[in-house]
Amino acid sequence: MYYIQKSFEVSACHHLILSHGSKCENLHGHNWQITVYCKAEELDEDGMVVDFNIIKQLVHGRLDHQDLNAVLPFNPTAENIAKWIVDTVPNCYKARVAETANNVAIYEK
């Protein structure tokens, strides 16, 4: 099995739609630290699990300097963003999304 990971920062804002009162319902931003984990039993024709540039285009290219509520079709919690990454990136089995060093969500297929 081959494994790769790609890490990068995304600067973006969002507001959460919650069933309880929270200051996170107000528009606010984060410098999200994102790590994408991919694996494959066989490499593609280029000798890769997935090209690092494709991962960056699909995630960073879609989210960086955006209002996440405007570009994602769901409540943009860290948990939902992590699942969206796994569902979006080829061969992705896990994503780690950190709003801050102390607030981290991980989704694994």
N, C-alpha and C. Protein backbone atom coordinates (compact mmCIF):
# COMPACT_ATOMS: atom_id res chain seq x y z
N MET A 1 0.85 -1.18 0.00
CA MET A 1 0.00 0.00 0.00
C MET A 1 0.90 1.24 0.00
N TYR A 2 0.55 2.20 -0.82
CA TYR A 2 1.25 3.49 -0.87
C TYR A 2 0.40 4.53 -0.14
N TYR A 3 1.06 5.39 0.62
CA TYR A 3 0.39 6.45 1.37
C TYR A 3 1.05 7.79 1.07
N ILE A 4 0.23 8.83 0.96
CA ILE A 4 0.75 10.19 0.87
C ILE A 4 -0.08 11.07 1.79
N GLN A 5 0.48 12.21 2.15
CA GLN A 5 -0.29 13.23 2.84
C GLN A 5 0.14 14.59 2.33
N LYS A 6 -0.83 15.49 2.27
CA LYS A 6 -0.60 16.86 1.81
C LYS A 6 -1.19 17.78 2.86
N SER A 7 -0.37 18.73 3.35
CA SER A 7 -0.82 19.69 4.34
C SER A 7 -0.72 21.10 3.77
N PHE A 8 -1.66 21.95 4.17
CA PHE A 8 -1.64 23.35 3.75
C PHE A 8 -2.57 24.15 4.64
N GLU A 9 -2.50 25.45 4.49
CA GLU A 9 -3.34 26.37 5.26
C GLU A 9 -4.37 26.99 4.33
N VAL A 10 -5.59 27.13 4.83
CA VAL A 10 -6.67 27.79 4.11
C VAL A 10 -7.18 28.92 4.99
N SER A 11 -7.19 30.12 4.46
CA SER A 11 -7.77 31.26 5.16
C SER A 11 -9.19 31.44 4.63
N ALA A 12 -10.17 31.32 5.51
CA ALA A 12 -11.56 31.41 5.07
C ALA A 12 -12.45 31.77 6.25
N CYS A 13 -13.61 32.32 5.91
CA CYS A 13 -14.59 32.64 6.95
C CYS A 13 -15.80 31.71 6.81
N HIS A 14 -16.58 31.67 7.86
CA HIS A 14 -17.84 30.92 7.86
C HIS A 14 -18.67 31.38 9.04
N HIS A 15 -19.90 30.96 9.04
CA HIS A 15 -20.75 31.05 10.23
C HIS A 15 -21.48 29.73 10.32
N LEU A 16 -21.77 29.31 11.53
CA LEU A 16 -22.41 28.01 11.73
C LEU A 16 -23.89 28.18 12.00
N ILE A 17 -24.65 27.24 11.53
CA ILE A 17 -26.09 27.19 11.79
C ILE A 17 -26.28 26.10 12.84
N LEU A 18 -26.60 26.52 14.06
CA LEU A 18 -26.61 25.60 15.20
C LEU A 18 -27.98 25.54 15.87
N SER A 19 -28.22 24.45 16.56
CA SER A 19 -29.48 24.28 17.29
C SER A 19 -29.43 24.92 18.67
N HIS A 20 -28.27 25.42 19.05
CA HIS A 20 -28.10 26.10 20.33
C HIS A 20 -27.40 27.44 20.08
N GLY A 21 -27.54 28.38 20.97
CA GLY A 21 -26.91 29.68 20.80
C GLY A 21 -25.39 29.59 20.92
N SER A 22 -24.67 30.29 20.03
CA SER A 22 -23.22 30.27 20.07
C SER A 22 -22.69 31.47 19.32
N LYS A 23 -21.56 32.00 19.76
CA LYS A 23 -20.93 33.10 19.03
C LYS A 23 -20.47 32.66 17.65
N CYS A 24 -20.35 31.35 17.42
CA CYS A 24 -19.95 30.83 16.10
C CYS A 24 -21.04 31.00 15.05
N GLU A 25 -22.23 31.42 15.48
CA GLU A 25 -23.28 31.73 14.51
C GLU A 25 -23.01 33.05 13.79
N ASN A 26 -22.07 33.84 14.34
CA ASN A 26 -21.66 35.09 13.70
C ASN A 26 -20.54 34.79 12.70
N LEU A 27 -20.48 35.58 11.64
CA LEU A 27 -19.43 35.42 10.65
C LEU A 27 -18.07 35.63 11.31
N HIS A 28 -17.16 34.69 11.09
CA HIS A 28 -15.81 34.78 11.65
C HIS A 28 -14.88 33.96 10.77
N GLY A 29 -13.58 34.14 10.95
CA GLY A 29 -12.62 33.45 10.09
C GLY A 29 -11.62 32.62 10.86
N HIS A 30 -10.96 31.74 10.13
CA HIS A 30 -9.90 30.89 10.67
C HIS A 30 -8.79 30.78 9.63
N ASN A 31 -7.61 30.50 10.10
CA ASN A 31 -6.54 30.01 9.24
C ASN A 31 -6.50 28.51 9.47
N TRP A 32 -7.32 27.81 8.70
CA TRP A 32 -7.52 26.37 8.85
C TRP A 32 -6.24 25.64 8.47
N GLN A 33 -5.82 24.69 9.28
CA GLN A 33 -4.70 23.80 8.96
C GLN A 33 -5.32 22.48 8.51
N ILE A 34 -5.08 22.13 7.26
CA ILE A 34 -5.72 20.96 6.67
C ILE A 34 -4.66 19.95 6.25
N THR A 35 -4.90 18.68 6.58
CA THR A 35 -4.05 17.60 6.10
C THR A 35 -4.94 16.57 5.42
N VAL A 36 -4.54 16.21 4.21
CA VAL A 36 -5.28 15.25 3.39
C VAL A 36 -4.44 13.98 3.28
N TYR A 37 -5.05 12.84 3.57
CA TYR A 37 -4.37 11.54 3.54
C TYR A 37 -4.96 10.69 2.43
N CYS A 38 -4.10 10.17 1.55
CA CYS A 38 -4.55 9.33 0.44
C CYS A 38 -3.74 8.04 0.41
N LYS A 39 -4.34 7.00 -0.18
CA LYS A 39 -3.64 5.73 -0.30
C LYS A 39 -4.09 5.01 -1.56
N ALA A 40 -3.23 4.13 -2.04
CA ALA A 40 -3.57 3.30 -3.19
C ALA A 40 -2.71 2.05 -3.17
N GLU A 41 -3.29 0.94 -3.59
CA GLU A 41 -2.52 -0.30 -3.70
C GLU A 41 -1.59 -0.25 -4.90
N GLU A 42 -2.01 0.44 -5.94
CA GLU A 42 -1.19 0.58 -7.15
C GLU A 42 -1.05 2.05 -7.49
N LEU A 43 0.10 2.43 -8.00
CA LEU A 43 0.31 3.80 -8.43
C LEU A 43 -0.33 4.02 -9.80
N ASP A 44 -0.69 5.27 -10.09
CA ASP A 44 -1.27 5.57 -11.40
C ASP A 44 -0.19 5.55 -12.48
N GLU A 45 -0.57 5.85 -13.68
CA GLU A 45 0.37 5.79 -14.81
C GLU A 45 1.54 6.75 -14.68
N ASP A 46 1.39 7.77 -13.79
CA ASP A 46 2.47 8.73 -13.55
C ASP A 46 3.33 8.35 -12.35
N GLY A 47 3.01 7.21 -11.72
CA GLY A 47 3.76 6.77 -10.55
C GLY A 47 3.34 7.46 -9.27
N MET A 48 2.06 7.87 -9.19
CA MET A 48 1.56 8.61 -8.03
C MET A 48 0.31 7.97 -7.46
N VAL A 49 0.08 8.21 -6.16
CA VAL A 49 -1.21 7.89 -5.54
C VAL A 49 -2.23 8.89 -6.06
N VAL A 50 -1.92 10.16 -5.94
CA VAL A 50 -2.65 11.28 -6.54
C VAL A 50 -1.67 12.46 -6.54
N ASP A 51 -1.68 13.23 -7.57
CA ASP A 51 -0.77 14.37 -7.69
C ASP A 51 -1.06 15.39 -6.58
N PHE A 52 -0.02 15.81 -5.87
CA PHE A 52 -0.18 16.81 -4.80
C PHE A 52 -0.85 18.07 -5.31
N ASN A 53 -0.56 18.46 -6.54
CA ASN A 53 -1.17 19.67 -7.11
C ASN A 53 -2.67 19.51 -7.30
N ILE A 54 -3.13 18.31 -7.62
CA ILE A 54 -4.57 18.07 -7.76
C ILE A 54 -5.25 18.23 -6.41
N ILE A 55 -4.63 17.69 -5.36
CA ILE A 55 -5.19 17.85 -4.01
C ILE A 55 -5.32 19.33 -3.68
N LYS A 56 -4.26 20.09 -3.93
CA LYS A 56 -4.29 21.52 -3.61
C LYS A 56 -5.36 22.24 -4.42
N GLN A 57 -5.49 21.92 -5.70
CA GLN A 57 -6.51 22.56 -6.53
C GLN A 57 -7.91 22.27 -6.01
N LEU A 58 -8.18 21.00 -5.68
CA LEU A 58 -9.52 20.60 -5.28
C LEU A 58 -9.95 21.19 -3.94
N VAL A 59 -9.01 21.34 -3.02
CA VAL A 59 -9.37 21.80 -1.67
C VAL A 59 -8.97 23.27 -1.49
N HIS A 60 -7.69 23.56 -1.53
CA HIS A 60 -7.21 24.93 -1.34
C HIS A 60 -7.82 25.86 -2.40
N GLY A 61 -7.81 25.40 -3.63
CA GLY A 61 -8.34 26.22 -4.72
C GLY A 61 -9.81 26.55 -4.58
N ARG A 62 -10.56 25.69 -3.93
CA ARG A 62 -12.00 25.92 -3.75
C ARG A 62 -12.30 26.73 -2.49
N LEU A 63 -11.48 26.57 -1.44
CA LEU A 63 -11.83 27.14 -0.13
C LEU A 63 -11.06 28.39 0.26
N ASP A 64 -9.84 28.57 -0.21
CA ASP A 64 -8.99 29.65 0.29
C ASP A 64 -9.57 31.02 -0.04
N HIS A 65 -9.60 31.88 0.97
CA HIS A 65 -10.11 33.25 0.88
C HIS A 65 -11.56 33.28 0.40
N GLN A 66 -12.35 32.36 0.92
CA GLN A 66 -13.76 32.28 0.57
C GLN A 66 -14.63 32.34 1.82
N ASP A 67 -15.91 32.66 1.61
CA ASP A 67 -16.93 32.47 2.63
C ASP A 67 -17.43 31.04 2.43
N LEU A 68 -17.10 30.16 3.35
CA LEU A 68 -17.40 28.74 3.18
C LEU A 68 -18.90 28.47 3.06
N ASN A 69 -19.72 29.31 3.67
CA ASN A 69 -21.17 29.14 3.54
C ASN A 69 -21.62 29.37 2.10
N ALA A 70 -20.87 30.18 1.36
CA ALA A 70 -21.25 30.48 -0.03
C ALA A 70 -20.74 29.44 -1.02
N VAL A 71 -19.66 28.72 -0.68
CA VAL A 71 -19.07 27.79 -1.66
C VAL A 71 -19.29 26.32 -1.33
N LEU A 72 -19.80 26.01 -0.15
CA LEU A 72 -20.07 24.62 0.22
C LEU A 72 -21.57 24.44 0.45
N PRO A 73 -22.13 23.32 0.02
CA PRO A 73 -23.58 23.12 0.11
C PRO A 73 -24.05 22.48 1.43
N PHE A 74 -23.35 22.80 2.53
CA PHE A 74 -23.69 22.23 3.83
C PHE A 74 -23.23 23.18 4.92
N ASN A 75 -23.65 22.93 6.14
CA ASN A 75 -23.21 23.70 7.30
C ASN A 75 -21.70 23.47 7.46
N PRO A 76 -20.86 24.49 7.28
CA PRO A 76 -19.41 24.28 7.20
C PRO A 76 -18.72 24.12 8.56
N THR A 77 -19.11 23.08 9.28
CA THR A 77 -18.38 22.71 10.49
C THR A 77 -17.07 22.04 10.07
N ALA A 78 -16.11 21.99 10.96
CA ALA A 78 -14.84 21.31 10.66
C ALA A 78 -15.10 19.84 10.31
N GLU A 79 -16.04 19.22 11.00
CA GLU A 79 -16.37 17.82 10.74
C GLU A 79 -16.91 17.62 9.32
N ASN A 80 -17.84 18.49 8.93
CA ASN A 80 -18.42 18.38 7.59
C ASN A 80 -17.39 18.68 6.51
N ILE A 81 -16.50 19.63 6.77
CA ILE A 81 -15.44 19.95 5.80
C ILE A 81 -14.50 18.75 5.64
N ALA A 82 -14.15 18.10 6.74
CA ALA A 82 -13.28 16.93 6.67
C ALA A 82 -13.91 15.83 5.81
N LYS A 83 -15.20 15.58 6.00
CA LYS A 83 -15.88 14.55 5.19
C LYS A 83 -15.92 14.98 3.73
N TRP A 84 -16.21 16.23 3.46
CA TRP A 84 -16.25 16.73 2.08
C TRP A 84 -14.90 16.50 1.38
N ILE A 85 -13.81 16.75 2.09
CA ILE A 85 -12.48 16.53 1.51
C ILE A 85 -12.30 15.07 1.13
N VAL A 86 -12.65 14.16 2.03
CA VAL A 86 -12.52 12.72 1.75
C VAL A 86 -13.37 12.34 0.54
N ASP A 87 -14.55 12.91 0.44
CA ASP A 87 -15.44 12.58 -0.68
C ASP A 87 -15.00 13.24 -1.99
N THR A 88 -14.20 14.29 -1.92
CA THR A 88 -13.82 15.07 -3.10
C THR A 88 -12.49 14.66 -3.71
N VAL A 89 -11.51 14.33 -2.88
CA VAL A 89 -10.15 14.05 -3.36
C VAL A 89 -10.02 12.57 -3.73
N PRO A 90 -9.51 12.26 -4.92
CA PRO A 90 -9.32 10.86 -5.31
C PRO A 90 -8.40 10.12 -4.34
N ASN A 91 -8.76 8.90 -4.01
CA ASN A 91 -7.98 8.01 -3.14
C ASN A 91 -7.82 8.53 -1.71
N CYS A 92 -8.62 9.52 -1.34
CA CYS A 92 -8.53 10.07 0.02
C CYS A 92 -9.31 9.18 0.97
N TYR A 93 -8.67 8.84 2.09
CA TYR A 93 -9.34 8.02 3.09
C TYR A 93 -9.48 8.74 4.44
N LYS A 94 -8.76 9.87 4.61
CA LYS A 94 -8.81 10.59 5.88
C LYS A 94 -8.46 12.05 5.66
N ALA A 95 -9.12 12.92 6.42
CA ALA A 95 -8.79 14.35 6.39
C ALA A 95 -8.80 14.89 7.81
N ARG A 96 -7.85 15.77 8.07
CA ARG A 96 -7.74 16.44 9.37
C ARG A 96 -7.93 17.93 9.12
N VAL A 97 -8.89 18.54 9.82
CA VAL A 97 -9.21 19.95 9.65
C VAL A 97 -9.13 20.61 11.02
N ALA A 98 -8.19 21.55 11.16
CA ALA A 98 -8.01 22.25 12.44
C ALA A 98 -8.39 23.71 12.28
N GLU A 99 -9.38 24.14 13.04
CA GLU A 99 -9.73 25.56 13.09
C GLU A 99 -8.67 26.33 13.87
N THR A 100 -8.23 25.70 14.95
CA THR A 100 -7.15 26.22 15.80
C THR A 100 -6.33 25.00 16.24
N ALA A 101 -5.26 25.24 16.94
CA ALA A 101 -4.45 24.13 17.44
C ALA A 101 -5.24 23.22 18.39
N ASN A 102 -6.26 23.78 19.04
CA ASN A 102 -7.03 23.03 20.03
C ASN A 102 -8.37 22.53 19.53
N ASN A 103 -8.77 22.91 18.32
CA ASN A 103 -10.07 22.51 17.77
C ASN A 103 -9.85 21.80 16.44
N VAL A 104 -9.87 20.48 16.49
CA VAL A 104 -9.51 19.66 15.34
C VAL A 104 -10.61 18.63 15.08
N ALA A 105 -10.96 18.45 13.79
CA ALA A 105 -11.90 17.41 13.39
C ALA A 105 -11.18 16.48 12.41
N ILE A 106 -11.43 15.19 12.55
CA ILE A 106 -10.86 14.20 11.65
C ILE A 106 -11.99 13.31 11.15
N TYR A 107 -12.01 13.12 9.84
CA TYR A 107 -12.95 12.16 9.26
C TYR A 107 -12.13 11.10 8.54
N GLU A 108 -12.47 9.85 8.81
CA GLU A 108 -11.79 8.73 8.15
C GLU A 108 -12.82 7.79 7.57
N LYS A 109 -12.62 7.41 6.31
CA LYS A 109 -13.52 6.49 5.62
C LYS A 109 -13.34 5.09 6.16
